[in-house]
Amino acid sequence: MRIFSRPQYESEFTRFLNELKQRDPDVQKAQHAGMARLWDKPPIDQDERRRAAASAVKRLPYVYE
């Protein structure tokens, strides 16, 4: 027996989340879609990156007069 074990305890927030997921089972899918929209980035096209670097205009050094 563990001293700090509380198997019957469930916080209000945990109960709220469980009820929300029961009422609307698509909540988790919507969360994943929102995270993907914010954080997942498309793969970088290396050819386009090389062309952009090659066409960049070189900066001239500052001329002191």
C-alpha atoms as a PDB file:
ATOM      1  CA  MET A   1       0.000   0.000   0.000  1.00  0.00           C
ATOM      2  CA  ARG A   2       1.299   3.422  -0.970  1.00  0.00           C
ATOM      3  CA  ILE A   3       1.057   6.211   1.556  1.00  0.00           C
ATOM      4  CA  PHE A   4       0.138   9.030  -0.842  1.00  0.00           C
ATOM      5  CA  SER A   5      -2.206   7.071  -3.091  1.00  0.00           C
ATOM      6  CA  ARG A   6      -5.644   8.604  -3.572  1.00  0.00           C
ATOM      7  CA  PRO A   7      -7.469   6.468  -6.124  1.00  0.00           C
ATOM      8  CA  GLN A   8     -10.882   8.012  -5.383  1.00  0.00           C
ATOM      9  CA  TYR A   9      -9.715  11.625  -5.729  1.00  0.00           C
ATOM     10  CA  GLU A  10     -10.494  13.449  -8.961  1.00  0.00           C
ATOM     11  CA  SER A  11      -9.945  17.183  -9.266  1.00  0.00           C
ATOM     12  CA  GLU A  12     -12.631  19.554 -10.518  1.00  0.00           C
ATOM     13  CA  PHE A  13     -10.601  20.294 -13.603  1.00  0.00           C
ATOM     14  CA  THR A  14     -10.211  16.593 -14.455  1.00  0.00           C
ATOM     15  CA  ARG A  15     -13.948  16.106 -14.044  1.00  0.00           C
ATOM     16  CA  PHE A  16     -14.617  19.134 -16.238  1.00  0.00           C
ATOM     17  CA  LEU A  17     -12.347  17.803 -19.009  1.00  0.00           C
ATOM     18  CA  ASN A  18     -13.877  14.332 -18.843  1.00  0.00           C
ATOM     19  CA  GLU A  19     -17.401  15.784 -19.069  1.00  0.00           C
ATOM     20  CA  LEU A  20     -16.380  18.050 -21.940  1.00  0.00           C
ATOM     21  CA  LYS A  21     -14.921  15.100 -23.858  1.00  0.00           C
ATOM     22  CA  GLN A  22     -18.089  13.081 -23.248  1.00  0.00           C
ATOM     23  CA  ARG A  23     -20.329  15.924 -24.477  1.00  0.00           C
ATOM     24  CA  ASP A  24     -18.201  16.696 -27.527  1.00  0.00           C
ATOM     25  CA  PRO A  25     -15.911  13.826 -28.580  1.00  0.00           C
ATOM     26  CA  ASP A  26     -14.384  15.906 -31.413  1.00  0.00           C
ATOM     27  CA  VAL A  27     -12.709  18.333 -28.986  1.00  0.00           C
ATOM     28  CA  GLN A  28      -9.404  16.484 -29.081  1.00  0.00           C
ATOM     29  CA  LYS A  29      -9.396  16.376 -32.895  1.00  0.00           C
ATOM     30  CA  ALA A  30     -10.007  20.123 -32.976  1.00  0.00           C
ATOM     31  CA  GLN A  31      -7.153  20.679 -30.525  1.00  0.00           C
ATOM     32  CA  HIS A  32      -4.769  18.672 -32.689  1.00  0.00           C
ATOM     33  CA  ALA A  33      -5.886  20.540 -35.809  1.00  0.00           C
ATOM     34  CA  GLY A  34      -5.305  23.888 -34.084  1.00  0.00           C
ATOM     35  CA  MET A  35      -1.844  22.871 -32.887  1.00  0.00           C
ATOM     36  CA  ALA A  36      -0.945  21.639 -36.366  1.00  0.00           C
ATOM     37  CA  ARG A  37      -2.054  24.946 -37.874  1.00  0.00           C
ATOM     38  CA  LEU A  38       0.137  26.902 -35.457  1.00  0.00           C
ATOM     39  CA  TRP A  39       3.225  24.730 -35.086  1.00  0.00           C
ATOM     40  CA  ASP A  40       3.614  22.305 -38.015  1.00  0.00           C
ATOM     41  CA  LYS A  41       5.601  23.881 -40.795  1.00  0.00           C
ATOM     42  CA  PRO A  42       5.639  22.735 -44.417  1.00  0.00           C
ATOM     43  CA  PRO A  43       8.837  21.132 -45.673  1.00  0.00           C
ATOM     44  CA  ILE A  44      11.436  23.550 -47.045  1.00  0.00           C
ATOM     45  CA  ASP A  45      11.971  23.422 -50.808  1.00  0.00           C
ATOM     46  CA  GLN A  46      15.779  23.344 -51.043  1.00  0.00           C
ATOM     47  CA  ASP A  47      15.836  24.318 -54.737  1.00  0.00           C
ATOM     48  CA  GLU A  48      13.748  27.415 -54.081  1.00  0.00           C
ATOM     49  CA  ARG A  49      15.956  28.266 -51.097  1.00  0.00           C
ATOM     50  CA  ARG A  50      19.106  28.027 -53.249  1.00  0.00           C
ATOM     51  CA  ARG A  51      17.572  30.226 -55.957  1.00  0.00           C
ATOM     52  CA  ALA A  52      16.546  32.846 -53.393  1.00  0.00           C
ATOM     53  CA  ALA A  53      20.045  32.890 -51.901  1.00  0.00           C
ATOM     54  CA  ALA A  54      21.646  33.185 -55.354  1.00  0.00           C
ATOM     55  CA  SER A  55      19.378  36.055 -56.394  1.00  0.00           C
ATOM     56  CA  ALA A  56      19.888  38.041 -53.198  1.00  0.00           C
ATOM     57  CA  VAL A  57      21.481  41.441 -53.710  1.00  0.00           C
ATOM     58  CA  LYS A  58      24.772  41.796 -51.892  1.00  0.00           C
ATOM     59  CA  ARG A  59      24.849  44.633 -49.384  1.00  0.00           C
ATOM     60  CA  LEU A  60      27.463  47.282 -49.982  1.00  0.00           C
ATOM     61  CA  PRO A  61      29.613  48.329 -47.065  1.00  0.00           C
ATOM     62  CA  TYR A  62      28.957  51.714 -45.533  1.00  0.00           C
ATOM     63  CA  VAL A  63      31.032  54.435 -47.191  1.00  0.00           C
ATOM     64  CA  TYR A  64      32.573  57.034 -44.923  1.00  0.00           C
ATOM     65  CA  GLU A  65      33.040  60.424 -46.546  1.00  0.00           C
END
